[in-house]
Amino acid sequence: DNDKGSCTLAPGFTYRFEWHVWSQYNK
């Protein structure tokens, strides 16, 4: 949800963001 964070990435590696969103509301 409403969050902040950080992490260290090792050089030369691949990563990905994967996100999931859902709501039962109209907007």
mmCIF file of all heavy atoms, coordinates in Angstrom:
data_MODEL
# 
_entry.id   MODEL 
# 
loop_
_atom_site.group_PDB 
_atom_site.id 
_atom_site.type_symbol 
_atom_site.label_atom_id 
_atom_site.label_alt_id 
_atom_site.label_comp_id 
_atom_site.label_asym_id 
_atom_site.label_entity_id 
_atom_site.label_seq_id 
_atom_site.pdbx_PDB_ins_code 
_atom_site.Cartn_x 
_atom_site.Cartn_y 
_atom_site.Cartn_z 
_atom_site.occupancy 
_atom_site.B_iso_or_equiv 
_atom_site.pdbx_formal_charge 
_atom_site.auth_seq_id 
_atom_site.auth_comp_id 
_atom_site.auth_asym_id 
_atom_site.auth_atom_id 
_atom_site.pdbx_PDB_model_num 
ATOM 1   N N   . ASP A 1 1  ? 0.822   -1.212  0.000   1.00 0.00 ? 1  ASP A N   1 
ATOM 2   C CA  . ASP A 1 1  ? 0.000   0.000   0.000   1.00 0.00 ? 1  ASP A CA  1 
ATOM 3   C C   . ASP A 1 1  ? 0.861   1.269   0.000   1.00 0.00 ? 1  ASP A C   1 
ATOM 4   O O   . ASP A 1 1  ? 1.626   1.473   -0.923  1.00 0.00 ? 1  ASP A O   1 
ATOM 5   C CB  . ASP A 1 1  ? -1.005  -0.019  1.144   1.00 0.00 ? 1  ASP A CB  1 
ATOM 6   C CG  . ASP A 1 1  ? -2.037  -1.140  0.968   1.00 0.00 ? 1  ASP A CG  1 
ATOM 7   O OD1 . ASP A 1 1  ? -2.296  -1.526  -0.183  1.00 0.00 ? 1  ASP A OD1 1 
ATOM 8   O OD2 . ASP A 1 1  ? -2.565  -1.619  1.979   1.00 0.00 ? 1  ASP A OD2 1 
ATOM 9   N N   . ASN A 1 2  ? 0.732   2.121   1.006   1.00 0.00 ? 2  ASN A N   1 
ATOM 10  C CA  . ASN A 1 2  ? 1.485   3.377   1.083   1.00 0.00 ? 2  ASN A CA  1 
ATOM 11  C C   . ASN A 1 2  ? 2.754   3.116   1.891   1.00 0.00 ? 2  ASN A C   1 
ATOM 12  O O   . ASN A 1 2  ? 2.733   3.098   3.115   1.00 0.00 ? 2  ASN A O   1 
ATOM 13  C CB  . ASN A 1 2  ? 0.623   4.461   1.748   1.00 0.00 ? 2  ASN A CB  1 
ATOM 14  C CG  . ASN A 1 2  ? -0.639  4.711   0.966   1.00 0.00 ? 2  ASN A CG  1 
ATOM 15  O OD1 . ASN A 1 2  ? -0.595  5.080   -0.200  1.00 0.00 ? 2  ASN A OD1 1 
ATOM 16  N ND2 . ASN A 1 2  ? -1.777  4.483   1.592   1.00 0.00 ? 2  ASN A ND2 1 
ATOM 17  N N   . ASP A 1 3  ? 3.846   2.909   1.161   1.00 0.00 ? 3  ASP A N   1 
ATOM 18  C CA  . ASP A 1 3  ? 5.056   2.418   1.823   1.00 0.00 ? 3  ASP A CA  1 
ATOM 19  C C   . ASP A 1 3  ? 6.296   3.003   1.137   1.00 0.00 ? 3  ASP A C   1 
ATOM 20  O O   . ASP A 1 3  ? 6.221   3.501   0.011   1.00 0.00 ? 3  ASP A O   1 
ATOM 21  C CB  . ASP A 1 3  ? 5.089   0.895   1.728   1.00 0.00 ? 3  ASP A CB  1 
ATOM 22  C CG  . ASP A 1 3  ? 5.843   0.214   2.845   1.00 0.00 ? 3  ASP A CG  1 
ATOM 23  O OD1 . ASP A 1 3  ? 6.490   0.903   3.653   1.00 0.00 ? 3  ASP A OD1 1 
ATOM 24  O OD2 . ASP A 1 3  ? 5.778   -1.034  2.897   1.00 0.00 ? 3  ASP A OD2 1 
ATOM 25  N N   . LYS A 1 4  ? 7.419   2.942   1.831   1.00 0.00 ? 4  LYS A N   1 
ATOM 26  C CA  . LYS A 1 4  ? 8.719   3.337   1.288   1.00 0.00 ? 4  LYS A CA  1 
ATOM 27  C C   . LYS A 1 4  ? 9.719   2.279   1.694   1.00 0.00 ? 4  LYS A C   1 
ATOM 28  O O   . LYS A 1 4  ? 9.616   1.711   2.780   1.00 0.00 ? 4  LYS A O   1 
ATOM 29  C CB  . LYS A 1 4  ? 9.178   4.684   1.850   1.00 0.00 ? 4  LYS A CB  1 
ATOM 30  C CG  . LYS A 1 4  ? 8.371   5.865   1.399   1.00 0.00 ? 4  LYS A CG  1 
ATOM 31  C CD  . LYS A 1 4  ? 8.928   7.148   1.997   1.00 0.00 ? 4  LYS A CD  1 
ATOM 32  C CE  . LYS A 1 4  ? 8.075   8.343   1.601   1.00 0.00 ? 4  LYS A CE  1 
ATOM 33  N NZ  . LYS A 1 4  ? 8.589   9.598   2.162   1.00 0.00 ? 4  LYS A NZ  1 
ATOM 34  N N   . GLY A 1 5  ? 10.684  2.040   0.818   1.00 0.00 ? 5  GLY A N   1 
ATOM 35  C CA  . GLY A 1 5  ? 11.720  1.076   1.162   1.00 0.00 ? 5  GLY A CA  1 
ATOM 36  C C   . GLY A 1 5  ? 12.898  1.207   0.229   1.00 0.00 ? 5  GLY A C   1 
ATOM 37  O O   . GLY A 1 5  ? 12.837  1.897   -0.787  1.00 0.00 ? 5  GLY A O   1 
ATOM 38  N N   . SER A 1 6  ? 13.976  0.528   0.587   1.00 0.00 ? 6  SER A N   1 
ATOM 39  C CA  . SER A 1 6  ? 15.171  0.533   -0.246  1.00 0.00 ? 6  SER A CA  1 
ATOM 40  C C   . SER A 1 6  ? 15.918  -0.776  -0.053  1.00 0.00 ? 6  SER A C   1 
ATOM 41  O O   . SER A 1 6  ? 15.729  -1.474  0.949   1.00 0.00 ? 6  SER A O   1 
ATOM 42  C CB  . SER A 1 6  ? 16.071  1.718   0.093   1.00 0.00 ? 6  SER A CB  1 
ATOM 43  O OG  . SER A 1 6  ? 16.563  1.601   1.404   1.00 0.00 ? 6  SER A OG  1 
ATOM 44  N N   . CYS A 1 7  ? 16.752  -1.096  -1.020  1.00 0.00 ? 7  CYS A N   1 
ATOM 45  C CA  . CYS A 1 7  ? 17.616  -2.266  -0.912  1.00 0.00 ? 7  CYS A CA  1 
ATOM 46  C C   . CYS A 1 7  ? 18.828  -2.053  -1.807  1.00 0.00 ? 7  CYS A C   1 
ATOM 47  O O   . CYS A 1 7  ? 18.820  -1.206  -2.702  1.00 0.00 ? 7  CYS A O   1 
ATOM 48  C CB  . CYS A 1 7  ? 16.883  -3.558  -1.245  1.00 0.00 ? 7  CYS A CB  1 
ATOM 49  S SG  . CYS A 1 7  ? 16.225  -3.663  -2.913  1.00 0.00 ? 7  CYS A SG  1 
ATOM 50  N N   . THR A 1 8  ? 19.852  -2.832  -1.566  1.00 0.00 ? 8  THR A N   1 
ATOM 51  C CA  . THR A 1 8  ? 21.075  -2.751  -2.348  1.00 0.00 ? 8  THR A CA  1 
ATOM 52  C C   . THR A 1 8  ? 21.020  -3.782  -3.462  1.00 0.00 ? 8  THR A C   1 
ATOM 53  O O   . THR A 1 8  ? 20.665  -4.944  -3.230  1.00 0.00 ? 8  THR A O   1 
ATOM 54  C CB  . THR A 1 8  ? 22.303  -3.008  -1.456  1.00 0.00 ? 8  THR A CB  1 
ATOM 55  O OG1 . THR A 1 8  ? 22.313  -2.018  -0.421  1.00 0.00 ? 8  THR A OG1 1 
ATOM 56  C CG2 . THR A 1 8  ? 23.586  -2.925  -2.241  1.00 0.00 ? 8  THR A CG2 1 
ATOM 57  N N   . LEU A 1 9  ? 21.369  -3.341  -4.676  1.00 0.00 ? 9  LEU A N   1 
ATOM 58  C CA  . LEU A 1 9  ? 21.381  -4.216  -5.842  1.00 0.00 ? 9  LEU A CA  1 
ATOM 59  C C   . LEU A 1 9  ? 22.824  -4.544  -6.197  1.00 0.00 ? 9  LEU A C   1 
ATOM 60  O O   . LEU A 1 9  ? 23.668  -3.652  -6.266  1.00 0.00 ? 9  LEU A O   1 
ATOM 61  C CB  . LEU A 1 9  ? 20.705  -3.534  -7.029  1.00 0.00 ? 9  LEU A CB  1 
ATOM 62  C CG  . LEU A 1 9  ? 19.281  -3.028  -6.806  1.00 0.00 ? 9  LEU A CG  1 
ATOM 63  C CD1 . LEU A 1 9  ? 18.788  -2.283  -8.043  1.00 0.00 ? 9  LEU A CD1 1 
ATOM 64  C CD2 . LEU A 1 9  ? 18.350  -4.171  -6.453  1.00 0.00 ? 9  LEU A CD2 1 
ATOM 65  N N   . ALA A 1 10 ? 23.108  -5.815  -6.418  1.00 0.00 ? 10 ALA A N   1 
ATOM 66  C CA  . ALA A 1 10 ? 24.452  -6.232  -6.808  1.00 0.00 ? 10 ALA A CA  1 
ATOM 67  C C   . ALA A 1 10 ? 24.672  -5.931  -8.288  1.00 0.00 ? 10 ALA A C   1 
ATOM 68  O O   . ALA A 1 10 ? 23.776  -6.155  -9.105  1.00 0.00 ? 10 ALA A O   1 
ATOM 69  C CB  . ALA A 1 10 ? 24.630  -7.721  -6.538  1.00 0.00 ? 10 ALA A CB  1 
ATOM 70  N N   . PRO A 1 11 ? 25.827  -5.394  -8.656  1.00 0.00 ? 11 PRO A N   1 
ATOM 71  C CA  . PRO A 1 11 ? 26.073  -5.050  -10.052 1.00 0.00 ? 11 PRO A CA  1 
ATOM 72  C C   . PRO A 1 11 ? 26.077  -6.279  -10.966 1.00 0.00 ? 11 PRO A C   1 
ATOM 73  O O   . PRO A 1 11 ? 26.538  -7.345  -10.576 1.00 0.00 ? 11 PRO A O   1 
ATOM 74  C CB  . PRO A 1 11 ? 27.449  -4.386  -10.037 1.00 0.00 ? 11 PRO A CB  1 
ATOM 75  C CG  . PRO A 1 11 ? 27.968  -4.457  -8.659  1.00 0.00 ? 11 PRO A CG  1 
ATOM 76  C CD  . PRO A 1 11 ? 26.940  -5.077  -7.787  1.00 0.00 ? 11 PRO A CD  1 
ATOM 77  N N   . GLY A 1 12 ? 25.528  -6.103  -12.165 1.00 0.00 ? 12 GLY A N   1 
ATOM 78  C CA  . GLY A 1 12 ? 25.553  -7.151  -13.172 1.00 0.00 ? 12 GLY A CA  1 
ATOM 79  C C   . GLY A 1 12 ? 24.461  -8.198  -13.055 1.00 0.00 ? 12 GLY A C   1 
ATOM 80  O O   . GLY A 1 12 ? 24.468  -9.185  -13.786 1.00 0.00 ? 12 GLY A O   1 
ATOM 81  N N   . PHE A 1 13 ? 23.504  -8.004  -12.182 1.00 0.00 ? 13 PHE A N   1 
ATOM 82  C CA  . PHE A 1 13 ? 22.418  -8.963  -12.009 1.00 0.00 ? 13 PHE A CA  1 
ATOM 83  C C   . PHE A 1 13 ? 21.114  -8.397  -12.559 1.00 0.00 ? 13 PHE A C   1 
ATOM 84  O O   . PHE A 1 13 ? 20.969  -7.194  -12.727 1.00 0.00 ? 13 PHE A O   1 
ATOM 85  C CB  . PHE A 1 13 ? 22.236  -9.320  -10.520 1.00 0.00 ? 13 PHE A CB  1 
ATOM 86  C CG  . PHE A 1 13 ? 23.313  -10.210 -9.993  1.00 0.00 ? 13 PHE A CG  1 
ATOM 87  C CD1 . PHE A 1 13 ? 24.484  -9.670  -9.483  1.00 0.00 ? 13 PHE A CD1 1 
ATOM 88  C CD2 . PHE A 1 13 ? 23.172  -11.582 -10.026 1.00 0.00 ? 13 PHE A CD2 1 
ATOM 89  C CE1 . PHE A 1 13 ? 25.499  -10.484 -8.999  1.00 0.00 ? 13 PHE A CE1 1 
ATOM 90  C CE2 . PHE A 1 13 ? 24.172  -12.409 -9.546  1.00 0.00 ? 13 PHE A CE2 1 
ATOM 91  C CZ  . PHE A 1 13 ? 25.347  -11.856 -9.028  1.00 0.00 ? 13 PHE A CZ  1 
ATOM 92  N N   . THR A 1 14 ? 20.175  -9.286  -12.822 1.00 0.00 ? 14 THR A N   1 
ATOM 93  C CA  . THR A 1 14 ? 18.861  -8.855  -13.292 1.00 0.00 ? 14 THR A CA  1 
ATOM 94  C C   . THR A 1 14 ? 17.867  -8.948  -12.144 1.00 0.00 ? 14 THR A C   1 
ATOM 95  O O   . THR A 1 14 ? 17.978  -9.815  -11.270 1.00 0.00 ? 14 THR A O   1 
ATOM 96  C CB  . THR A 1 14 ? 18.366  -9.708  -14.477 1.00 0.00 ? 14 THR A CB  1 
ATOM 97  O OG1 . THR A 1 14 ? 18.315  -11.077 -14.083 1.00 0.00 ? 14 THR A OG1 1 
ATOM 98  C CG2 . THR A 1 14 ? 19.275  -9.558  -15.680 1.00 0.00 ? 14 THR A CG2 1 
ATOM 99  N N   . TYR A 1 15 ? 16.904  -8.056  -12.175 1.00 0.00 ? 15 TYR A N   1 
ATOM 100 C CA  . TYR A 1 15 ? 15.860  -7.965  -11.155 1.00 0.00 ? 15 TYR A CA  1 
ATOM 101 C C   . TYR A 1 15 ? 14.551  -7.651  -11.862 1.00 0.00 ? 15 TYR A C   1 
ATOM 102 O O   . TYR A 1 15 ? 14.525  -7.355  -13.053 1.00 0.00 ? 15 TYR A O   1 
ATOM 103 C CB  . TYR A 1 15 ? 16.166  -6.824  -10.172 1.00 0.00 ? 15 TYR A CB  1 
ATOM 104 C CG  . TYR A 1 15 ? 17.459  -7.000  -9.425  1.00 0.00 ? 15 TYR A CG  1 
ATOM 105 C CD1 . TYR A 1 15 ? 18.659  -6.531  -9.959  1.00 0.00 ? 15 TYR A CD1 1 
ATOM 106 C CD2 . TYR A 1 15 ? 17.478  -7.623  -8.191  1.00 0.00 ? 15 TYR A CD2 1 
ATOM 107 C CE1 . TYR A 1 15 ? 19.854  -6.688  -9.263  1.00 0.00 ? 15 TYR A CE1 1 
ATOM 108 C CE2 . TYR A 1 15 ? 18.662  -7.772  -7.495  1.00 0.00 ? 15 TYR A CE2 1 
ATOM 109 C CZ  . TYR A 1 15 ? 19.845  -7.311  -8.038  1.00 0.00 ? 15 TYR A CZ  1 
ATOM 110 O OH  . TYR A 1 15 ? 21.009  -7.467  -7.351  1.00 0.00 ? 15 TYR A OH  1 
ATOM 111 N N   . ARG A 1 16 ? 13.485  -7.682  -11.107 1.00 0.00 ? 16 ARG A N   1 
ATOM 112 C CA  . ARG A 1 16 ? 12.215  -7.196  -11.640 1.00 0.00 ? 16 ARG A CA  1 
ATOM 113 C C   . ARG A 1 16 ? 11.333  -6.707  -10.508 1.00 0.00 ? 16 ARG A C   1 
ATOM 114 O O   . ARG A 1 16 ? 11.422  -7.189  -9.377  1.00 0.00 ? 16 ARG A O   1 
ATOM 115 C CB  . ARG A 1 16 ? 11.505  -8.241  -12.482 1.00 0.00 ? 16 ARG A CB  1 
ATOM 116 C CG  . ARG A 1 16 ? 10.769  -9.306  -11.725 1.00 0.00 ? 16 ARG A CG  1 
ATOM 117 C CD  . ARG A 1 16 ? 9.987   -10.229 -12.677 1.00 0.00 ? 16 ARG A CD  1 
ATOM 118 N NE  . ARG A 1 16 ? 9.184   -11.170 -11.956 1.00 0.00 ? 16 ARG A NE  1 
ATOM 119 C CZ  . ARG A 1 16 ? 9.605   -12.363 -11.541 1.00 0.00 ? 16 ARG A CZ  1 
ATOM 120 N NH1 . ARG A 1 16 ? 10.840  -12.755 -11.793 1.00 0.00 ? 16 ARG A NH1 1 
ATOM 121 N NH2 . ARG A 1 16 ? 8.811   -13.164 -10.870 1.00 0.00 ? 16 ARG A NH2 1 
ATOM 122 N N   . PHE A 1 17 ? 10.512  -5.702  -10.853 1.00 0.00 ? 17 PHE A N   1 
ATOM 123 C CA  . PHE A 1 17 ? 9.390   -5.328  -10.000 1.00 0.00 ? 17 PHE A CA  1 
ATOM 124 C C   . PHE A 1 17 ? 8.219   -6.199  -10.422 1.00 0.00 ? 17 PHE A C   1 
ATOM 125 O O   . PHE A 1 17 ? 7.997   -6.408  -11.618 1.00 0.00 ? 17 PHE A O   1 
ATOM 126 C CB  . PHE A 1 17 ? 8.968   -3.872  -10.217 1.00 0.00 ? 17 PHE A CB  1 
ATOM 127 C CG  . PHE A 1 17 ? 9.970   -2.846  -9.798  1.00 0.00 ? 17 PHE A CG  1 
ATOM 128 C CD1 . PHE A 1 17 ? 10.001  -1.617  -10.437 1.00 0.00 ? 17 PHE A CD1 1 
ATOM 129 C CD2 . PHE A 1 17 ? 10.859  -3.060  -8.769  1.00 0.00 ? 17 PHE A CD2 1 
ATOM 130 C CE1 . PHE A 1 17 ? 10.898  -0.635  -10.067 1.00 0.00 ? 17 PHE A CE1 1 
ATOM 131 C CE2 . PHE A 1 17 ? 11.762  -2.090  -8.384  1.00 0.00 ? 17 PHE A CE2 1 
ATOM 132 C CZ  . PHE A 1 17 ? 11.780  -0.876  -9.041  1.00 0.00 ? 17 PHE A CZ  1 
ATOM 133 N N   . GLU A 1 18 ? 7.460   -6.652  -9.459  1.00 0.00 ? 18 GLU A N   1 
ATOM 134 C CA  . GLU A 1 18 ? 6.207   -7.347  -9.751  1.00 0.00 ? 18 GLU A CA  1 
ATOM 135 C C   . GLU A 1 18 ? 5.171   -6.770  -8.797  1.00 0.00 ? 18 GLU A C   1 
ATOM 136 O O   . GLU A 1 18 ? 5.401   -6.763  -7.591  1.00 0.00 ? 18 GLU A O   1 
ATOM 137 C CB  . GLU A 1 18 ? 6.364   -8.849  -9.542  1.00 0.00 ? 18 GLU A CB  1 
ATOM 138 C CG  . GLU A 1 18 ? 5.113   -9.635  -9.891  1.00 0.00 ? 18 GLU A CG  1 
ATOM 139 C CD  . GLU A 1 18 ? 5.331   -11.128 -9.750  1.00 0.00 ? 18 GLU A CD  1 
ATOM 140 O OE1 . GLU A 1 18 ? 6.138   -11.686 -10.530 1.00 0.00 ? 18 GLU A OE1 1 
ATOM 141 O OE2 . GLU A 1 18 ? 4.714   -11.720 -8.839  1.00 0.00 ? 18 GLU A OE2 1 
ATOM 142 N N   . TRP A 1 19 ? 4.076   -6.245  -9.352  1.00 0.00 ? 19 TRP A N   1 
ATOM 143 C CA  . TRP A 1 19 ? 3.076   -5.652  -8.488  1.00 0.00 ? 19 TRP A CA  1 
ATOM 144 C C   . TRP A 1 19 ? 1.710   -6.255  -8.737  1.00 0.00 ? 19 TRP A C   1 
ATOM 145 O O   . TRP A 1 19 ? 1.399   -6.712  -9.825  1.00 0.00 ? 19 TRP A O   1 
ATOM 146 C CB  . TRP A 1 19 ? 3.052   -4.128  -8.621  1.00 0.00 ? 19 TRP A CB  1 
ATOM 147 C CG  . TRP A 1 19 ? 2.764   -3.590  -9.986  1.00 0.00 ? 19 TRP A CG  1 
ATOM 148 C CD1 . TRP A 1 19 ? 1.541   -3.320  -10.525 1.00 0.00 ? 19 TRP A CD1 1 
ATOM 149 C CD2 . TRP A 1 19 ? 3.715   -3.227  -10.990 1.00 0.00 ? 19 TRP A CD2 1 
ATOM 150 N NE1 . TRP A 1 19 ? 1.670   -2.812  -11.796 1.00 0.00 ? 19 TRP A NE1 1 
ATOM 151 C CE2 . TRP A 1 19 ? 3.001   -2.742  -12.095 1.00 0.00 ? 19 TRP A CE2 1 
ATOM 152 C CE3 . TRP A 1 19 ? 5.106   -3.257  -11.062 1.00 0.00 ? 19 TRP A CE3 1 
ATOM 153 C CZ2 . TRP A 1 19 ? 3.630   -2.312  -13.268 1.00 0.00 ? 19 TRP A CZ2 1 
ATOM 154 C CZ3 . TRP A 1 19 ? 5.718   -2.830  -12.216 1.00 0.00 ? 19 TRP A CZ3 1 
ATOM 155 C CH2 . TRP A 1 19 ? 4.975   -2.361  -13.294 1.00 0.00 ? 19 TRP A CH2 1 
ATOM 156 N N   . HIS A 1 20 ? 0.931   -6.267  -7.666  1.00 0.00 ? 20 HIS A N   1 
ATOM 157 C CA  . HIS A 1 20 ? -0.432  -6.795  -7.681  1.00 0.00 ? 20 HIS A CA  1 
ATOM 158 C C   . HIS A 1 20 ? -1.325  -5.706  -7.090  1.00 0.00 ? 20 HIS A C   1 
ATOM 159 O O   . HIS A 1 20 ? -1.018  -5.166  -6.028  1.00 0.00 ? 20 HIS A O   1 
ATOM 160 C CB  . HIS A 1 20 ? -0.531  -8.056  -6.818  1.00 0.00 ? 20 HIS A CB  1 
ATOM 161 C CG  . HIS A 1 20 ? 0.402   -9.138  -7.251  1.00 0.00 ? 20 HIS A CG  1 
ATOM 162 N ND1 . HIS A 1 20 ? -0.027  -10.247 -7.909  1.00 0.00 ? 20 HIS A ND1 1 
ATOM 163 C CD2 . HIS A 1 20 ? 1.755   -9.265  -7.141  1.00 0.00 ? 20 HIS A CD2 1 
ATOM 164 C CE1 . HIS A 1 20 ? 1.005   -11.023 -8.181  1.00 0.00 ? 20 HIS A CE1 1 
ATOM 165 N NE2 . HIS A 1 20 ? 2.099   -10.445 -7.726  1.00 0.00 ? 20 HIS A NE2 1 
ATOM 166 N N   . VAL A 1 21 ? -2.407  -5.383  -7.785  1.00 0.00 ? 21 VAL A N   1 
ATOM 167 C CA  . VAL A 1 21 ? -3.369  -4.388  -7.296  1.00 0.00 ? 21 VAL A CA  1 
ATOM 168 C C   . VAL A 1 21 ? -4.766  -4.986  -7.353  1.00 0.00 ? 21 VAL A C   1 
ATOM 169 O O   . VAL A 1 21 ? -5.078  -5.784  -8.233  1.00 0.00 ? 21 VAL A O   1 
ATOM 170 C CB  . VAL A 1 21 ? -3.304  -3.058  -8.100  1.00 0.00 ? 21 VAL A CB  1 
ATOM 171 C CG1 . VAL A 1 21 ? -1.959  -2.382  -7.930  1.00 0.00 ? 21 VAL A CG1 1 
ATOM 172 C CG2 . VAL A 1 21 ? -3.597  -3.277  -9.564  1.00 0.00 ? 21 VAL A CG2 1 
ATOM 173 N N   . TRP A 1 22 ? -5.605  -4.602  -6.394  1.00 0.00 ? 22 TRP A N   1 
ATOM 174 C CA  . TRP A 1 22 ? -6.983  -5.065  -6.389  1.00 0.00 ? 22 TRP A CA  1 
ATOM 175 C C   . TRP A 1 22 ? -7.833  -4.160  -5.508  1.00 0.00 ? 22 TRP A C   1 
ATOM 176 O O   . TRP A 1 22 ? -7.341  -3.530  -4.581  1.00 0.00 ? 22 TRP A O   1 
ATOM 177 C CB  . TRP A 1 22 ? -7.076  -6.516  -5.928  1.00 0.00 ? 22 TRP A CB  1 
ATOM 178 C CG  . TRP A 1 22 ? -6.655  -6.744  -4.504  1.00 0.00 ? 22 TRP A CG  1 
ATOM 179 C CD1 . TRP A 1 22 ? -7.460  -6.823  -3.406  1.00 0.00 ? 22 TRP A CD1 1 
ATOM 180 C CD2 . TRP A 1 22 ? -5.322  -6.918  -4.015  1.00 0.00 ? 22 TRP A CD2 1 
ATOM 181 N NE1 . TRP A 1 22 ? -6.711  -7.027  -2.272  1.00 0.00 ? 22 TRP A NE1 1 
ATOM 182 C CE2 . TRP A 1 22 ? -5.396  -7.093  -2.619  1.00 0.00 ? 22 TRP A CE2 1 
ATOM 183 C CE3 . TRP A 1 22 ? -4.062  -6.942  -4.615  1.00 0.00 ? 22 TRP A CE3 1 
ATOM 184 C CZ2 . TRP A 1 22 ? -4.272  -7.296  -1.832  1.00 0.00 ? 22 TRP A CZ2 1 
ATOM 185 C CZ3 . TRP A 1 22 ? -2.944  -7.133  -3.810  1.00 0.00 ? 22 TRP A CZ3 1 
ATOM 186 C CH2 . TRP A 1 22 ? -3.070  -7.312  -2.448  1.00 0.00 ? 22 TRP A CH2 1 
ATOM 187 N N   . SER A 1 23 ? -9.121  -4.112  -5.845  1.00 0.00 ? 23 SER A N   1 
ATOM 188 C CA  . SER A 1 23 ? -10.063 -3.326  -5.051  1.00 0.00 ? 23 SER A CA  1 
ATOM 189 C C   . SER A 1 23 ? -11.481 -3.759  -5.373  1.00 0.00 ? 23 SER A C   1 
ATOM 190 O O   . SER A 1 23 ? -11.788 -4.100  -6.511  1.00 0.00 ? 23 SER A O   1 
ATOM 191 C CB  . SER A 1 23 ? -9.903  -1.831  -5.346  1.00 0.00 ? 23 SER A CB  1 
ATOM 192 O OG  . SER A 1 23 ? -10.882 -1.094  -4.632  1.00 0.00 ? 23 SER A OG  1 
ATOM 193 N N   . GLN A 1 24 ? -12.314 -3.696  -4.377  1.00 0.00 ? 24 GLN A N   1 
ATOM 194 C CA  . GLN A 1 24 ? -13.741 -3.959  -4.572  1.00 0.00 ? 24 GLN A CA  1 
ATOM 195 C C   . GLN A 1 24 ? -14.525 -2.664  -4.768  1.00 0.00 ? 24 GLN A C   1 
ATOM 196 O O   . GLN A 1 24 ? -15.724 -2.688  -5.012  1.00 0.00 ? 24 GLN A O   1 
ATOM 197 C CB  . GLN A 1 24 ? -14.301 -4.719  -3.386  1.00 0.00 ? 24 GLN A CB  1 
ATOM 198 C CG  . GLN A 1 24 ? -14.255 -3.929  -2.084  1.00 0.00 ? 24 GLN A CG  1 
ATOM 199 C CD  . GLN A 1 24 ? -14.729 -4.726  -0.891  1.00 0.00 ? 24 GLN A CD  1 
ATOM 200 O OE1 . GLN A 1 24 ? -15.188 -5.851  -1.036  1.00 0.00 ? 24 GLN A OE1 1 
ATOM 201 N NE2 . GLN A 1 24 ? -14.631 -4.155  0.280   1.00 0.00 ? 24 GLN A NE2 1 
ATOM 202 N N   . TYR A 1 25 ? -13.840 -1.532  -4.666  1.00 0.00 ? 25 TYR A N   1 
ATOM 203 C CA  . TYR A 1 25 ? -14.499 -0.239  -4.779  1.00 0.00 ? 25 TYR A CA  1 
ATOM 204 C C   . TYR A 1 25 ? -14.613 0.191   -6.237  1.00 0.00 ? 25 TYR A C   1 
ATOM 205 O O   . TYR A 1 25 ? -13.975 -0.373  -7.118  1.00 0.00 ? 25 TYR A O   1 
ATOM 206 C CB  . TYR A 1 25 ? -13.754 0.820   -3.965  1.00 0.00 ? 25 TYR A CB  1 
ATOM 207 C CG  . TYR A 1 25 ? -13.656 0.462   -2.511  1.00 0.00 ? 25 TYR A CG  1 
ATOM 208 C CD1 . TYR A 1 25 ? -12.458 0.063   -1.961  1.00 0.00 ? 25 TYR A CD1 1 
ATOM 209 C CD2 . TYR A 1 25 ? -14.783 0.488   -1.694  1.00 0.00 ? 25 TYR A CD2 1 
ATOM 210 C CE1 . TYR A 1 25 ? -12.373 -0.293  -0.626  1.00 0.00 ? 25 TYR A CE1 1 
ATOM 211 C CE2 . TYR A 1 25 ? -14.701 0.146   -0.360  1.00 0.00 ? 25 TYR A CE2 1 
ATOM 212 C CZ  . TYR A 1 25 ? -13.501 -0.250  0.170   1.00 0.00 ? 25 TYR A CZ  1 
ATOM 213 O OH  . TYR A 1 25 ? -13.418 -0.603  1.483   1.00 0.00 ? 25 TYR A OH  1 
ATOM 214 N N   . ASN A 1 26 ? -15.408 1.238   -6.475  1.00 0.00 ? 26 ASN A N   1 
ATOM 215 C CA  . ASN A 1 26 ? -15.622 1.687   -7.839  1.00 0.00 ? 26 ASN A CA  1 
ATOM 216 C C   . ASN A 1 26 ? -14.444 2.444   -8.424  1.00 0.00 ? 26 ASN A C   1 
ATOM 217 O O   . ASN A 1 26 ? -14.319 2.533   -9.632  1.00 0.00 ? 26 ASN A O   1 
ATOM 218 C CB  . ASN A 1 26 ? -16.871 2.559   -7.928  1.00 0.00 ? 26 ASN A CB  1 
ATOM 219 C CG  . ASN A 1 26 ? -18.131 1.714   -7.855  1.00 0.00 ? 26 ASN A CG  1 
ATOM 220 O OD1 . ASN A 1 26 ? -18.103 0.544   -8.195  1.00 0.00 ? 26 ASN A OD1 1 
ATOM 221 N ND2 . ASN A 1 26 ? -19.221 2.299   -7.419  1.00 0.00 ? 26 ASN A ND2 1 
ATOM 222 N N   . LYS A 1 27 ? -13.579 3.009   -7.608  1.00 0.00 ? 27 LYS A N   1 
ATOM 223 C CA  . LYS A 1 27 ? -12.433 3.742   -8.135  1.00 0.00 ? 27 LYS A CA  1 
ATOM 224 C C   . LYS A 1 27 ? -11.263 3.599   -7.181  1.00 0.00 ? 27 LYS A C   1 
ATOM 225 O O   . LYS A 1 27 ? -11.424 3.759   -5.975  1.00 0.00 ? 27 LYS A O   1 
ATOM 226 C CB  . LYS A 1 27 ? -12.774 5.220   -8.323  1.00 0.00 ? 27 LYS A CB  1 
ATOM 227 C CG  . LYS A 1 27 ? -11.685 6.011   -9.002  1.00 0.00 ? 27 LYS A CG  1 
ATOM 228 C CD  . LYS A 1 27 ? -12.135 7.436   -9.285  1.00 0.00 ? 27 LYS A CD  1 
ATOM 229 C CE  . LYS A 1 27 ? -11.040 8.186   -10.015 1.00 0.00 ? 27 LYS A CE  1 
ATOM 230 N NZ  . LYS A 1 27 ? -11.428 9.574   -10.295 1.00 0.00 ? 27 LYS A NZ  1 
# 
